[in-house]
Amino acid sequence: MAKNRNAKTKAAQQVKNVRAKREGFLSFVSGVKVELLHRVLWPKLKDMKSYSITVIGFILFWALYIGLWDFIFAKGMETLVTR
């Protein structure tokens, strides 16, 4: 009889834990939704285009800069090795 009661108590506790976790997760998702829809200030399309062009330009500049130095050092090493 005591084993049966303990099993029921364990099962009830597991159900409570699952419900608490589900409620916690749903609360989290609800909070994320509110945050994204109401509190975040999303940039305008014009601003987003400007930011994107700036970032792409910055990346291209540094890629060319690093590529140029890589080319210079590679040619220098090639010259040193072939002599």
PDB file of N, CA and C in Angstrom:
ATOM      1  N   MET A   1       0.818  -1.175   0.000  1.00  0.00           N
ATOM      2  CA  MET A   1       0.000   0.000   0.000  1.00  0.00           C
ATOM      3  C   MET A   1       0.875   1.256   0.000  1.00  0.00           C
ATOM      4  N   ALA A   2       1.937   1.258   0.824  1.00  0.00           N
ATOM      5  CA  ALA A   2       2.822   2.419   0.910  1.00  0.00           C
ATOM      6  C   ALA A   2       3.581   2.606  -0.405  1.00  0.00           C
ATOM      7  N   LYS A   3       3.956   1.479  -1.044  1.00  0.00           N
ATOM      8  CA  LYS A   3       4.654   1.571  -2.324  1.00  0.00           C
ATOM      9  C   LYS A   3       3.750   2.215  -3.371  1.00  0.00           C
ATOM     10  N   ASN A   4       2.499   1.826  -3.381  1.00  0.00           N
ATOM     11  CA  ASN A   4       1.543   2.374  -4.338  1.00  0.00           C
ATOM     12  C   ASN A   4       1.373   3.885  -4.117  1.00  0.00           C
ATOM     13  N   ARG A   5       1.295   4.283  -2.859  1.00  0.00           N
ATOM     14  CA  ARG A   5       1.137   5.703  -2.522  1.00  0.00           C
ATOM     15  C   ARG A   5       2.385   6.488  -2.940  1.00  0.00           C
ATOM     16  N   ASN A   6       3.579   5.905  -2.710  1.00  0.00           N
ATOM     17  CA  ASN A   6       4.829   6.558  -3.103  1.00  0.00           C
ATOM     18  C   ASN A   6       4.914   6.691  -4.624  1.00  0.00           C
ATOM     19  N   ALA A   7       4.479   5.675  -5.333  1.00  0.00           N
ATOM     20  CA  ALA A   7       4.493   5.719  -6.799  1.00  0.00           C
ATOM     21  C   ALA A   7       3.563   6.822  -7.304  1.00  0.00           C
ATOM     22  N   LYS A   8       2.374   6.921  -6.684  1.00  0.00           N
ATOM     23  CA  LYS A   8       1.430   7.973  -7.093  1.00  0.00           C
ATOM     24  C   LYS A   8       1.999   9.355  -6.778  1.00  0.00           C
ATOM     25  N   THR A   9       2.659   9.474  -5.646  1.00  0.00           N
ATOM     26  CA  THR A   9       3.252  10.760  -5.260  1.00  0.00           C
ATOM     27  C   THR A   9       4.365  11.145  -6.230  1.00  0.00           C
ATOM     28  N   LYS A  10       5.202  10.167  -6.602  1.00  0.00           N
ATOM     29  CA  LYS A  10       6.269  10.422  -7.565  1.00  0.00           C
ATOM     30  C   LYS A  10       5.697  10.841  -8.907  1.00  0.00           C
ATOM     31  N   ALA A  11       4.663  10.134  -9.355  1.00  0.00           N
ATOM     32  CA  ALA A  11       4.030  10.450 -10.634  1.00  0.00           C
ATOM     33  C   ALA A  11       3.428  11.853 -10.600  1.00  0.00           C
ATOM     34  N   ALA A  12       2.780  12.196  -9.503  1.00  0.00           N
ATOM     35  CA  ALA A  12       2.189  13.533  -9.367  1.00  0.00           C
ATOM     36  C   ALA A  12       3.280  14.598  -9.367  1.00  0.00           C
ATOM     37  N   GLN A  13       4.388  14.338  -8.717  1.00  0.00           N
ATOM     38  CA  GLN A  13       5.499  15.285  -8.679  1.00  0.00           C
ATOM     39  C   GLN A  13       6.105  15.472 -10.078  1.00  0.00           C
ATOM     40  N   GLN A  14       6.218  14.383 -10.834  1.00  0.00           N
ATOM     41  CA  GLN A  14       6.751  14.464 -12.195  1.00  0.00           C
ATOM     42  C   GLN A  14       5.823  15.289 -13.085  1.00  0.00           C
ATOM     43  N   VAL A  15       4.521  15.102 -12.918  1.00  0.00           N
ATOM     44  CA  VAL A  15       3.551  15.879 -13.691  1.00  0.00           C
ATOM     45  C   VAL A  15       3.681  17.354 -13.349  1.00  0.00           C
ATOM     46  N   LYS A  16       3.836  17.665 -12.064  1.00  0.00           N
ATOM     47  CA  LYS A  16       4.014  19.057 -11.645  1.00  0.00           C
ATOM     48  C   LYS A  16       5.275  19.652 -12.257  1.00  0.00           C
ATOM     49  N   ASN A  17       6.350  18.859 -12.253  1.00  0.00           N
ATOM     50  CA  ASN A  17       7.612  19.340 -12.835  1.00  0.00           C
ATOM     51  C   ASN A  17       7.467  19.626 -14.321  1.00  0.00           C
ATOM     52  N   VAL A  18       6.802  18.738 -15.020  1.00  0.00           N
ATOM     53  CA  VAL A  18       6.603  18.917 -16.466  1.00  0.00           C
ATOM     54  C   VAL A  18       5.752  20.163 -16.719  1.00  0.00           C
ATOM     55  N   ARG A  19       4.681  20.328 -15.956  1.00  0.00           N
ATOM     56  CA  ARG A  19       3.826  21.507 -16.118  1.00  0.00           C
ATOM     57  C   ARG A  19       4.590  22.790 -15.820  1.00  0.00           C
ATOM     58  N   ALA A  20       5.399  22.765 -14.775  1.00  0.00           N
ATOM     59  CA  ALA A  20       6.180  23.955 -14.415  1.00  0.00           C
ATOM     60  C   ALA A  20       7.169  24.298 -15.520  1.00  0.00           C
ATOM     61  N   LYS A  21       7.813  23.283 -16.076  1.00  0.00           N
ATOM     62  CA  LYS A  21       8.758  23.529 -17.169  1.00  0.00           C
ATOM     63  C   LYS A  21       8.038  24.063 -18.396  1.00  0.00           C
ATOM     64  N   ARG A  22       6.877  23.510 -18.713  1.00  0.00           N
ATOM     65  CA  ARG A  22       6.097  23.958 -19.863  1.00  0.00           C
ATOM     66  C   ARG A  22       5.663  25.398 -19.673  1.00  0.00           C
ATOM     67  N   GLU A  23       5.171  25.720 -18.470  1.00  0.00           N
ATOM     68  CA  GLU A  23       4.743  27.094 -18.185  1.00  0.00           C
ATOM     69  C   GLU A  23       5.920  28.056 -18.250  1.00  0.00           C
ATOM     70  N   GLY A  24       7.063  27.635 -17.753  1.00  0.00           N
ATOM     71  CA  GLY A  24       8.260  28.469 -17.820  1.00  0.00           C
ATOM     72  C   GLY A  24       8.679  28.727 -19.258  1.00  0.00           C
ATOM     73  N   PHE A  25       8.630  27.673 -20.087  1.00  0.00           N
ATOM     74  CA  PHE A  25       8.999  27.817 -21.493  1.00  0.00           C
ATOM     75  C   PHE A  25       8.017  28.727 -22.216  1.00  0.00           C
ATOM     76  N   LEU A  26       6.722  28.540 -21.972  1.00  0.00           N
ATOM     77  CA  LEU A  26       5.721  29.383 -22.617  1.00  0.00           C
ATOM     78  C   LEU A  26       5.857  30.829 -22.181  1.00  0.00           C
ATOM     79  N   SER A  27       6.191  31.048 -20.929  1.00  0.00           N
ATOM     80  CA  SER A  27       6.426  32.404 -20.436  1.00  0.00           C
ATOM     81  C   SER A  27       7.628  33.029 -21.135  1.00  0.00           C
ATOM     82  N   PHE A  28       8.670  32.245 -21.328  1.00  0.00           N
ATOM     83  CA  PHE A  28       9.862  32.720 -22.032  1.00  0.00           C
ATOM     84  C   PHE A  28       9.529  33.109 -23.474  1.00  0.00           C
ATOM     85  N   VAL A  29       8.813  32.234 -24.174  1.00  0.00           N
ATOM     86  CA  VAL A  29       8.440  32.504 -25.568  1.00  0.00           C
ATOM     87  C   VAL A  29       7.566  33.751 -25.646  1.00  0.00           C
ATOM     88  N   SER A  30       6.647  33.894 -24.723  1.00  0.00           N
ATOM     89  CA  SER A  30       5.789  35.071 -24.684  1.00  0.00           C
ATOM     90  C   SER A  30       6.621  36.338 -24.473  1.00  0.00           C
ATOM     91  N   GLY A  31       7.584  36.277 -23.594  1.00  0.00           N
ATOM     92  CA  GLY A  31       8.463  37.419 -23.345  1.00  0.00           C
ATOM     93  C   GLY A  31       9.290  37.787 -24.561  1.00  0.00           C
ATOM     94  N   VAL A  32       9.779  36.778 -25.270  1.00  0.00           N
ATOM     95  CA  VAL A  32      10.552  37.028 -26.489  1.00  0.00           C
ATOM     96  C   VAL A  32       9.680  37.705 -27.537  1.00  0.00           C
ATOM     97  N   LYS A  33       8.449  37.234 -27.675  1.00  0.00           N
ATOM     98  CA  LYS A  33       7.522  37.820 -28.649  1.00  0.00           C
ATOM     99  C   LYS A  33       7.273  39.291 -28.331  1.00  0.00           C
ATOM    100  N   VAL A  34       6.999  39.589 -27.068  1.00  0.00           N
ATOM    101  CA  VAL A  34       6.757  40.975 -26.659  1.00  0.00           C
ATOM    102  C   VAL A  34       7.999  41.814 -26.931  1.00  0.00           C
ATOM    103  N   GLU A  35       9.154  41.280 -26.601  1.00  0.00           N
ATOM    104  CA  GLU A  35      10.411  42.008 -26.803  1.00  0.00           C
ATOM    105  C   GLU A  35      10.623  42.344 -28.276  1.00  0.00           C
ATOM    106  N   LEU A  36      10.434  41.367 -29.149  1.00  0.00           N
ATOM    107  CA  LEU A  36      10.696  41.575 -30.575  1.00  0.00           C
ATOM    108  C   LEU A  36       9.668  42.479 -31.235  1.00  0.00           C
ATOM    109  N   LEU A  37       8.410  42.384 -30.818  1.00  0.00           N
ATOM    110  CA  LEU A  37       7.364  43.144 -31.492  1.00  0.00           C
ATOM    111  C   LEU A  37       7.184  44.550 -30.937  1.00  0.00           C
ATOM    112  N   HIS A  38       7.484  44.776 -29.671  1.00  0.00           N
ATOM    113  CA  HIS A  38       7.137  46.052 -29.073  1.00  0.00           C
ATOM    114  C   HIS A  38       8.318  46.854 -28.536  1.00  0.00           C
ATOM    115  N   ARG A  39       9.378  46.225 -28.135  1.00  0.00           N
ATOM    116  CA  ARG A  39      10.460  46.955 -27.479  1.00  0.00           C
ATOM    117  C   ARG A  39      11.660  47.205 -28.383  1.00  0.00           C
ATOM    118  N   VAL A  40      11.844  46.383 -29.401  1.00  0.00           N
ATOM    119  CA  VAL A  40      12.985  46.542 -30.293  1.00  0.00           C
ATOM    120  C   VAL A  40      12.682  47.632 -31.299  1.00  0.00           C
ATOM    121  N   LEU A  41      13.629  48.552 -31.475  1.00  0.00           N
ATOM    122  CA  LEU A  41      13.483  49.588 -32.489  1.00  0.00           C
ATOM    123  C   LEU A  41      14.185  49.100 -33.762  1.00  0.00           C
ATOM    124  N   TRP A  42      13.402  48.625 -34.710  1.00  0.00           N
ATOM    125  CA  TRP A  42      13.957  48.091 -35.939  1.00  0.00           C
ATOM    126  C   TRP A  42      14.357  49.233 -36.864  1.00  0.00           C
ATOM    127  N   PRO A  43      15.493  49.114 -37.564  1.00  0.00           N
ATOM    128  CA  PRO A  43      15.910  50.188 -38.470  1.00  0.00           C
ATOM    129  C   PRO A  43      15.004  50.240 -39.700  1.00  0.00           C
ATOM    130  N   LYS A  44      14.923  51.436 -40.283  1.00  0.00           N
ATOM    131  CA  LYS A  44      14.154  51.616 -41.515  1.00  0.00           C
ATOM    132  C   LYS A  44      14.929  50.991 -42.667  1.00  0.00           C
ATOM    133  N   LEU A  45      14.242  50.726 -43.771  1.00  0.00           N
ATOM    134  CA  LEU A  45      14.868  50.091 -44.928  1.00  0.00           C
ATOM    135  C   LEU A  45      16.023  50.943 -45.458  1.00  0.00           C
ATOM    136  N   LYS A  46      15.835  52.250 -45.500  1.00  0.00           N
ATOM    137  CA  LYS A  46      16.876  53.159 -45.985  1.00  0.00           C
ATOM    138  C   LYS A  46      18.139  53.036 -45.114  1.00  0.00           C
ATOM    139  N   ASP A  47      17.955  53.030 -43.808  1.00  0.00           N
ATOM    140  CA  ASP A  47      19.082  52.890 -42.890  1.00  0.00           C
ATOM    141  C   ASP A  47      19.756  51.531 -43.057  1.00  0.00           C
ATOM    142  N   MET A  48      18.954  50.504 -43.226  1.00  0.00           N
ATOM    143  CA  MET A  48      19.501  49.153 -43.365  1.00  0.00           C
ATOM    144  C   MET A  48      20.356  49.029 -44.616  1.00  0.00           C
ATOM    145  N   LYS A  49      19.900  49.637 -45.711  1.00  0.00           N
ATOM    146  CA  LYS A  49      20.688  49.628 -46.955  1.00  0.00           C
ATOM    147  C   LYS A  49      22.010  50.356 -46.737  1.00  0.00           C
ATOM    148  N   SER A  50      21.955  51.486 -46.072  1.00  0.00           N
ATOM    149  CA  SER A  50      23.170  52.266 -45.808  1.00  0.00           C
ATOM    150  C   SER A  50      24.151  51.467 -44.944  1.00  0.00           C
ATOM    151  N   TYR A  51      23.653  50.840 -43.902  1.00  0.00           N
ATOM    152  CA  TYR A  51      24.510  50.032 -43.030  1.00  0.00           C
ATOM    153  C   TYR A  51      25.120  48.862 -43.796  1.00  0.00           C
ATOM    154  N   SER A  52      24.310  48.220 -44.622  1.00  0.00           N
ATOM    155  CA  SER A  52      24.794  47.063 -45.378  1.00  0.00           C
ATOM    156  C   SER A  52      25.901  47.467 -46.348  1.00  0.00           C
ATOM    157  N   ILE A  53      25.701  48.575 -47.046  1.00  0.00           N
ATOM    158  CA  ILE A  53      26.718  49.048 -47.988  1.00  0.00           C
ATOM    159  C   ILE A  53      28.006  49.401 -47.253  1.00  0.00           C
ATOM    160  N   THR A  54      27.878  50.028 -46.098  1.00  0.00           N
ATOM    161  CA  THR A  54      29.053  50.378 -45.301  1.00  0.00           C
ATOM    162  C   THR A  54      29.815  49.131 -44.875  1.00  0.00           C
ATOM    163  N   VAL A  55      29.110  48.136 -44.394  1.00  0.00           N
ATOM    164  CA  VAL A  55      29.757  46.897 -43.938  1.00  0.00           C
ATOM    165  C   VAL A  55      30.420  46.176 -45.109  1.00  0.00           C
ATOM    166  N   ILE A  56      29.732  46.078 -46.233  1.00  0.00           N
ATOM    167  CA  ILE A  56      30.303  45.395 -47.402  1.00  0.00           C
ATOM    168  C   ILE A  56      31.539  46.148 -47.896  1.00  0.00           C
ATOM    169  N   GLY A  57      31.476  47.483 -47.926  1.00  0.00           N
ATOM    170  CA  GLY A  57      32.640  48.272 -48.326  1.00  0.00           C
ATOM    171  C   GLY A  57      33.809  48.064 -47.386  1.00  0.00           C
ATOM    172  N   PHE A  58      33.537  48.051 -46.091  1.00  0.00           N
ATOM    173  CA  PHE A  58      34.579  47.833 -45.090  1.00  0.00           C
ATOM    174  C   PHE A  58      35.228  46.461 -45.280  1.00  0.00           C
ATOM    175  N   ILE A  59      34.433  45.456 -45.507  1.00  0.00           N
ATOM    176  CA  ILE A  59      34.950  44.092 -45.704  1.00  0.00           C
ATOM    177  C   ILE A  59      35.797  44.023 -46.967  1.00  0.00           C
ATOM    178  N   LEU A  60      35.328  44.627 -48.065  1.00  0.00           N
ATOM    179  CA  LEU A  60      36.095  44.623 -49.318  1.00  0.00           C
ATOM    180  C   LEU A  60      37.430  45.353 -49.151  1.00  0.00           C
ATOM    181  N   PHE A  61      37.404  46.507 -48.470  1.00  0.00           N
ATOM    182  CA  PHE A  61      38.640  47.243 -48.241  1.00  0.00           C
ATOM    183  C   PHE A  61      39.666  46.376 -47.520  1.00  0.00           C
ATOM    184  N   TRP A  62      39.264  45.765 -46.409  1.00  0.00           N
ATOM    185  CA  TRP A  62      40.204  44.971 -45.626  1.00  0.00           C
ATOM    186  C   TRP A  62      40.632  43.699 -46.353  1.00  0.00           C
ATOM    187  N   ALA A  63      39.735  43.124 -47.144  1.00  0.00           N
ATOM    188  CA  ALA A  63      40.112  41.935 -47.925  1.00  0.00           C
ATOM    189  C   ALA A  63      41.188  42.295 -48.935  1.00  0.00           C
ATOM    190  N   LEU A  64      41.023  43.425 -49.611  1.00  0.00           N
ATOM    191  CA  LEU A  64      42.032  43.867 -50.582  1.00  0.00           C
ATOM    192  C   LEU A  64      43.340  44.246 -49.886  1.00  0.00           C
ATOM    193  N   TYR A  65      43.253  44.922 -48.769  1.00  0.00           N
ATOM    194  CA  TYR A  65      44.442  45.333 -48.015  1.00  0.00           C
ATOM    195  C   TYR A  65      45.252  44.110 -47.557  1.00  0.00           C
ATOM    196  N   ILE A  66      44.567  43.159 -46.949  1.00  0.00           N
ATOM    197  CA  ILE A  66      45.256  41.949 -46.470  1.00  0.00           C
ATOM    198  C   ILE A  66      45.759  41.125 -47.648  1.00  0.00           C
ATOM    199  N   GLY A  67      44.967  41.050 -48.722  1.00  0.00           N
ATOM    200  CA  GLY A  67      45.395  40.320 -49.917  1.00  0.00           C
ATOM    201  C   GLY A  67      46.631  40.921 -50.536  1.00  0.00           C
ATOM    202  N   LEU A  68      46.720  42.250 -50.559  1.00  0.00           N
ATOM    203  CA  LEU A  68      47.899  42.923 -51.112  1.00  0.00           C
ATOM    204  C   LEU A  68      49.139  42.604 -50.291  1.00  0.00           C
ATOM    205  N   TRP A  69      49.034  42.704 -48.970  1.00  0.00           N
ATOM    206  CA  TRP A  69      50.187  42.375 -48.127  1.00  0.00           C
ATOM    207  C   TRP A  69      50.566  40.897 -48.245  1.00  0.00           C
ATOM    208  N   ASP A  70      49.594  40.038 -48.366  1.00  0.00           N
ATOM    209  CA  ASP A  70      49.872  38.616 -48.551  1.00  0.00           C
ATOM    210  C   ASP A  70      50.638  38.393 -49.855  1.00  0.00           C
ATOM    211  N   PHE A  71      50.201  39.066 -50.912  1.00  0.00           N
ATOM    212  CA  PHE A  71      50.872  38.948 -52.211  1.00  0.00           C
ATOM    213  C   PHE A  71      52.315  39.452 -52.116  1.00  0.00           C
ATOM    214  N   ILE A  72      52.511  40.601 -51.454  1.00  0.00           N
ATOM    215  CA  ILE A  72      53.857  41.167 -51.310  1.00  0.00           C
ATOM    216  C   ILE A  72      54.759  40.214 -50.537  1.00  0.00           C
ATOM    217  N   PHE A  73      54.291  39.697 -49.413  1.00  0.00           N
ATOM    218  CA  PHE A  73      55.114  38.768 -48.628  1.00  0.00           C
ATOM    219  C   PHE A  73      55.357  37.455 -49.369  1.00  0.00           C
ATOM    220  N   ALA A  74      54.375  36.963 -50.108  1.00  0.00           N
ATOM    221  CA  ALA A  74      54.558  35.726 -50.870  1.00  0.00           C
ATOM    222  C   ALA A  74      55.635  35.917 -51.942  1.00  0.00           C
ATOM    223  N   LYS A  75      55.590  37.050 -52.652  1.00  0.00           N
ATOM    224  CA  LYS A  75      56.611  37.317 -53.677  1.00  0.00           C
ATOM    225  C   LYS A  75      57.985  37.476 -53.026  1.00  0.00           C
ATOM    226  N   GLY A  76      58.028  38.129 -51.873  1.00  0.00           N
ATOM    227  CA  GLY A  76      59.307  38.277 -51.162  1.00  0.00           C
ATOM    228  C   GLY A  76      59.861  36.940 -50.733  1.00  0.00           C
ATOM    229  N   MET A  77      59.033  36.071 -50.209  1.00  0.00           N
ATOM    230  CA  MET A  77      59.493  34.739 -49.811  1.00  0.00           C
ATOM    231  C   MET A  77      59.926  33.927 -51.018  1.00  0.00           C
ATOM    232  N   GLU A  78      59.186  34.063 -52.099  1.00  0.00           N
ATOM    233  CA  GLU A  78      59.534  33.340 -53.318  1.00  0.00           C
ATOM    234  C   GLU A  78      60.906  33.796 -53.822  1.00  0.00           C
ATOM    235  N   THR A  79      61.150  35.093 -53.760  1.00  0.00           N
ATOM    236  CA  THR A  79      62.429  35.637 -54.180  1.00  0.00           C
ATOM    237  C   THR A  79      63.573  35.122 -53.283  1.00  0.00           C
ATOM    238  N   LEU A  80      63.332  35.098 -51.982  1.00  0.00           N
ATOM    239  CA  LEU A  80      64.366  34.602 -51.056  1.00  0.00           C
ATOM    240  C   LEU A  80      64.654  33.119 -51.238  1.00  0.00           C
ATOM    241  N   VAL A  81      63.632  32.324 -51.500  1.00  0.00           N
ATOM    242  CA  VAL A  81      63.791  30.882 -51.601  1.00  0.00           C
ATOM    243  C   VAL A  81      64.461  30.506 -52.927  1.00  0.00           C
ATOM    244  N   THR A  82      64.138  31.195 -54.007  1.00  0.00           N
ATOM    245  CA  THR A  82      64.686  30.808 -55.330  1.00  0.00           C
ATOM    246  C   THR A  82      66.100  31.309 -55.537  1.00  0.00           C
ATOM    247  N   ARG A  83      66.624  32.181 -54.694  1.00  0.00           N
ATOM    248  CA  ARG A  83      68.001  32.662 -54.857  1.00  0.00           C
ATOM    249  C   ARG A  83      68.986  31.659 -54.418  1.00  0.00           C
TER     250      ARG A  83
END
